[in-house]
Amino acid sequence: MSKQELSIIPNEIIINKIYLFRDIKVMLDTDLAELFGVETRLLKQ
């Protein structure tokens, strides 16, 4: 992957998408798909 293709996501954006459920850190599939720039259905494949 070239430097032009790399996209750096600020830590604050990622941290705001982490939730705590029963003392376990989780991220929702919709948030992950958004971070990776794909549709949720493609992320689940």
PDB file of N, CA and C in Angstrom:
ATOM      1  N   MET A   1       0.837  -1.180   0.000  1.00  0.00           N
ATOM      2  CA  MET A   1       0.000   0.000   0.000  1.00  0.00           C
ATOM      3  C   MET A   1       0.882   1.243   0.000  1.00  0.00           C
ATOM      4  N   SER A   2       0.648   2.141  -0.925  1.00  0.00           N
ATOM      5  CA  SER A   2       1.466   3.347  -1.004  1.00  0.00           C
ATOM      6  C   SER A   2       1.024   4.367   0.040  1.00  0.00           C
ATOM      7  N   LYS A   3       1.860   5.363   0.246  1.00  0.00           N
ATOM      8  CA  LYS A   3       1.546   6.399   1.230  1.00  0.00           C
ATOM      9  C   LYS A   3       0.304   7.180   0.835  1.00  0.00           C
ATOM     10  N   GLN A   4       0.051   7.307  -0.457  1.00  0.00           N
ATOM     11  CA  GLN A   4      -1.133   8.026  -0.915  1.00  0.00           C
ATOM     12  C   GLN A   4      -2.411   7.275  -0.559  1.00  0.00           C
ATOM     13  N   GLU A   5      -2.345   5.953  -0.490  1.00  0.00           N
ATOM     14  CA  GLU A   5      -3.527   5.149  -0.189  1.00  0.00           C
ATOM     15  C   GLU A   5      -3.821   5.090   1.309  1.00  0.00           C
ATOM     16  N   LEU A   6      -2.804   5.367   2.131  1.00  0.00           N
ATOM     17  CA  LEU A   6      -2.996   5.313   3.568  1.00  0.00           C
ATOM     18  C   LEU A   6      -3.834   6.490   4.037  1.00  0.00           C
ATOM     19  N   SER A   7      -4.746   6.192   4.936  1.00  0.00           N
ATOM     20  CA  SER A   7      -5.546   7.246   5.530  1.00  0.00           C
ATOM     21  C   SER A   7      -5.490   7.051   7.033  1.00  0.00           C
ATOM     22  N   ILE A   8      -5.069   8.071   7.742  1.00  0.00           N
ATOM     23  CA  ILE A   8      -4.916   7.967   9.181  1.00  0.00           C
ATOM     24  C   ILE A   8      -6.154   8.550   9.852  1.00  0.00           C
ATOM     25  N   ILE A   9      -6.757   7.756  10.716  1.00  0.00           N
ATOM     26  CA  ILE A   9      -7.951   8.164  11.435  1.00  0.00           C
ATOM     27  C   ILE A   9      -7.517   8.666  12.809  1.00  0.00           C
ATOM     28  N   PRO A  10      -7.933   9.859  13.188  1.00  0.00           N
ATOM     29  CA  PRO A  10      -7.549  10.388  14.503  1.00  0.00           C
ATOM     30  C   PRO A  10      -8.029   9.478  15.641  1.00  0.00           C
ATOM     31  N   ASN A  11      -7.209   9.369  16.676  1.00  0.00           N
ATOM     32  CA  ASN A  11      -7.535   8.519  17.818  1.00  0.00           C
ATOM     33  C   ASN A  11      -8.868   8.882  18.447  1.00  0.00           C
ATOM     34  N   GLU A  12      -9.198  10.163  18.488  1.00  0.00           N
ATOM     35  CA  GLU A  12     -10.434  10.598  19.131  1.00  0.00           C
ATOM     36  C   GLU A  12     -11.664   9.995  18.464  1.00  0.00           C
ATOM     37  N   ILE A  13     -11.623   9.881  17.146  1.00  0.00           N
ATOM     38  CA  ILE A  13     -12.761   9.314  16.418  1.00  0.00           C
ATOM     39  C   ILE A  13     -12.927   7.847  16.777  1.00  0.00           C
ATOM     40  N   ILE A  14     -11.826   7.116  16.817  1.00  0.00           N
ATOM     41  CA  ILE A  14     -11.893   5.692  17.154  1.00  0.00           C
ATOM     42  C   ILE A  14     -12.325   5.505  18.599  1.00  0.00           C
ATOM     43  N   ILE A  15     -11.760   6.275  19.504  1.00  0.00           N
ATOM     44  CA  ILE A  15     -12.090   6.148  20.924  1.00  0.00           C
ATOM     45  C   ILE A  15     -13.570   6.425  21.167  1.00  0.00           C
ATOM     46  N   ASN A  16     -14.149   7.379  20.440  1.00  0.00           N
ATOM     47  CA  ASN A  16     -15.567   7.701  20.612  1.00  0.00           C
ATOM     48  C   ASN A  16     -16.487   6.601  20.101  1.00  0.00           C
ATOM     49  N   LYS A  17     -15.960   5.665  19.330  1.00  0.00           N
ATOM     50  CA  LYS A  17     -16.772   4.571  18.796  1.00  0.00           C
ATOM     51  C   LYS A  17     -16.627   3.276  19.606  1.00  0.00           C
ATOM     52  N   ILE A  18     -15.865   3.322  20.679  1.00  0.00           N
ATOM     53  CA  ILE A  18     -15.685   2.155  21.539  1.00  0.00           C
ATOM     54  C   ILE A  18     -16.657   2.270  22.711  1.00  0.00           C
ATOM     55  N   TYR A  19     -17.446   1.218  22.900  1.00  0.00           N
ATOM     56  CA  TYR A  19     -18.439   1.197  23.963  1.00  0.00           C
ATOM     57  C   TYR A  19     -18.071   0.132  24.980  1.00  0.00           C
ATOM     58  N   LEU A  20     -18.532   0.312  26.202  1.00  0.00           N
ATOM     59  CA  LEU A  20     -18.251  -0.637  27.271  1.00  0.00           C
ATOM     60  C   LEU A  20     -19.550  -1.344  27.649  1.00  0.00           C
ATOM     61  N   PHE A  21     -19.628  -2.641  27.373  1.00  0.00           N
ATOM     62  CA  PHE A  21     -20.773  -3.465  27.730  1.00  0.00           C
ATOM     63  C   PHE A  21     -20.298  -4.580  28.637  1.00  0.00           C
ATOM     64  N   ARG A  22     -20.820  -4.616  29.842  1.00  0.00           N
ATOM     65  CA  ARG A  22     -20.459  -5.655  30.814  1.00  0.00           C
ATOM     66  C   ARG A  22     -18.947  -5.776  30.963  1.00  0.00           C
ATOM     67  N   ASP A  23     -18.300  -4.654  31.097  1.00  0.00           N
ATOM     68  CA  ASP A  23     -16.846  -4.568  31.282  1.00  0.00           C
ATOM     69  C   ASP A  23     -16.040  -5.101  30.093  1.00  0.00           C
ATOM     70  N   ILE A  24     -16.630  -5.117  28.909  1.00  0.00           N
ATOM     71  CA  ILE A  24     -15.935  -5.539  27.689  1.00  0.00           C
ATOM     72  C   ILE A  24     -16.015  -4.388  26.684  1.00  0.00           C
ATOM     73  N   LYS A  25     -14.880  -4.025  26.113  1.00  0.00           N
ATOM     74  CA  LYS A  25     -14.858  -2.969  25.108  1.00  0.00           C
ATOM     75  C   LYS A  25     -15.282  -3.554  23.764  1.00  0.00           C
ATOM     76  N   VAL A  26     -16.267  -2.913  23.124  1.00  0.00           N
ATOM     77  CA  VAL A  26     -16.780  -3.385  21.840  1.00  0.00           C
ATOM     78  C   VAL A  26     -16.939  -2.213  20.883  1.00  0.00           C
ATOM     79  N   MET A  27     -16.967  -2.554  19.598  1.00  0.00           N
ATOM     80  CA  MET A  27     -17.297  -1.575  18.563  1.00  0.00           C
ATOM     81  C   MET A  27     -18.432  -2.149  17.733  1.00  0.00           C
ATOM     82  N   LEU A  28     -19.357  -1.299  17.344  1.00  0.00           N
ATOM     83  CA  LEU A  28     -20.483  -1.732  16.528  1.00  0.00           C
ATOM     84  C   LEU A  28     -20.035  -1.971  15.094  1.00  0.00           C
ATOM     85  N   ASP A  29     -20.680  -2.930  14.447  1.00  0.00           N
ATOM     86  CA  ASP A  29     -20.307  -3.251  13.074  1.00  0.00           C
ATOM     87  C   ASP A  29     -20.509  -2.070  12.141  1.00  0.00           C
ATOM     88  N   THR A  30     -21.519  -1.266  12.396  1.00  0.00           N
ATOM     89  CA  THR A  30     -21.742  -0.093  11.543  1.00  0.00           C
ATOM     90  C   THR A  30     -20.609   0.918  11.680  1.00  0.00           C
ATOM     91  N   ASP A  31     -20.098   1.082  12.902  1.00  0.00           N
ATOM     92  CA  ASP A  31     -18.973   2.000  13.116  1.00  0.00           C
ATOM     93  C   ASP A  31     -17.700   1.479  12.460  1.00  0.00           C
ATOM     94  N   LEU A  32     -17.449   0.177  12.576  1.00  0.00           N
ATOM     95  CA  LEU A  32     -16.268  -0.417  11.931  1.00  0.00           C
ATOM     96  C   LEU A  32     -16.332  -0.277  10.418  1.00  0.00           C
ATOM     97  N   ALA A  33     -17.505  -0.542   9.859  1.00  0.00           N
ATOM     98  CA  ALA A  33     -17.671  -0.425   8.411  1.00  0.00           C
ATOM     99  C   ALA A  33     -17.409   1.008   7.964  1.00  0.00           C
ATOM    100  N   GLU A  34     -17.889   1.968   8.730  1.00  0.00           N
ATOM    101  CA  GLU A  34     -17.655   3.374   8.404  1.00  0.00           C
ATOM    102  C   GLU A  34     -16.166   3.715   8.449  1.00  0.00           C
ATOM    103  N   LEU A  35     -15.459   3.212   9.454  1.00  0.00           N
ATOM    104  CA  LEU A  35     -14.026   3.475   9.568  1.00  0.00           C
ATOM    105  C   LEU A  35     -13.245   2.880   8.398  1.00  0.00           C
ATOM    106  N   PHE A  36     -13.670   1.687   7.947  1.00  0.00           N
ATOM    107  CA  PHE A  36     -12.984   1.031   6.836  1.00  0.00           C
ATOM    108  C   PHE A  36     -13.487   1.498   5.474  1.00  0.00           C
ATOM    109  N   GLY A  37     -14.568   2.267   5.465  1.00  0.00           N
ATOM    110  CA  GLY A  37     -15.094   2.796   4.213  1.00  0.00           C
ATOM    111  C   GLY A  37     -15.792   1.761   3.362  1.00  0.00           C
ATOM    112  N   VAL A  38     -16.458   0.804   4.009  1.00  0.00           N
ATOM    113  CA  VAL A  38     -17.210  -0.222   3.287  1.00  0.00           C
ATOM    114  C   VAL A  38     -18.625  -0.293   3.849  1.00  0.00           C
ATOM    115  N   GLU A  39     -19.493  -1.001   3.133  1.00  0.00           N
ATOM    116  CA  GLU A  39     -20.845  -1.222   3.639  1.00  0.00           C
ATOM    117  C   GLU A  39     -20.793  -2.276   4.739  1.00  0.00           C
ATOM    118  N   THR A  40     -21.744  -2.186   5.659  1.00  0.00           N
ATOM    119  CA  THR A  40     -21.782  -3.134   6.777  1.00  0.00           C
ATOM    120  C   THR A  40     -21.878  -4.568   6.283  1.00  0.00           C
ATOM    121  N   ARG A  41     -22.672  -4.806   5.254  1.00  0.00           N
ATOM    122  CA  ARG A  41     -22.844  -6.176   4.739  1.00  0.00           C
ATOM    123  C   ARG A  41     -21.518  -6.734   4.204  1.00  0.00           C
ATOM    124  N   LEU A  42     -20.677  -5.866   3.625  1.00  0.00           N
ATOM    125  CA  LEU A  42     -19.389  -6.316   3.115  1.00  0.00           C
ATOM    126  C   LEU A  42     -18.439  -6.631   4.262  1.00  0.00           C
ATOM    127  N   LEU A  43     -18.540  -5.881   5.334  1.00  0.00           N
ATOM    128  CA  LEU A  43     -17.687  -6.124   6.498  1.00  0.00           C
ATOM    129  C   LEU A  43     -18.009  -7.483   7.111  1.00  0.00           C
ATOM    130  N   LYS A  44     -19.269  -7.867   7.088  1.00  0.00           N
ATOM    131  CA  LYS A  44     -19.701  -9.119   7.718  1.00  0.00           C
ATOM    132  C   LYS A  44     -19.384 -10.344   6.871  1.00  0.00           C
ATOM    133  N   GLN A  45     -19.034 -10.162   5.608  1.00  0.00           N
ATOM    134  CA  GLN A  45     -18.783 -11.318   4.728  1.00  0.00           C
ATOM    135  C   GLN A  45     -17.557 -12.082   5.133  1.00  0.00           C
TER     136      GLN A  45
END
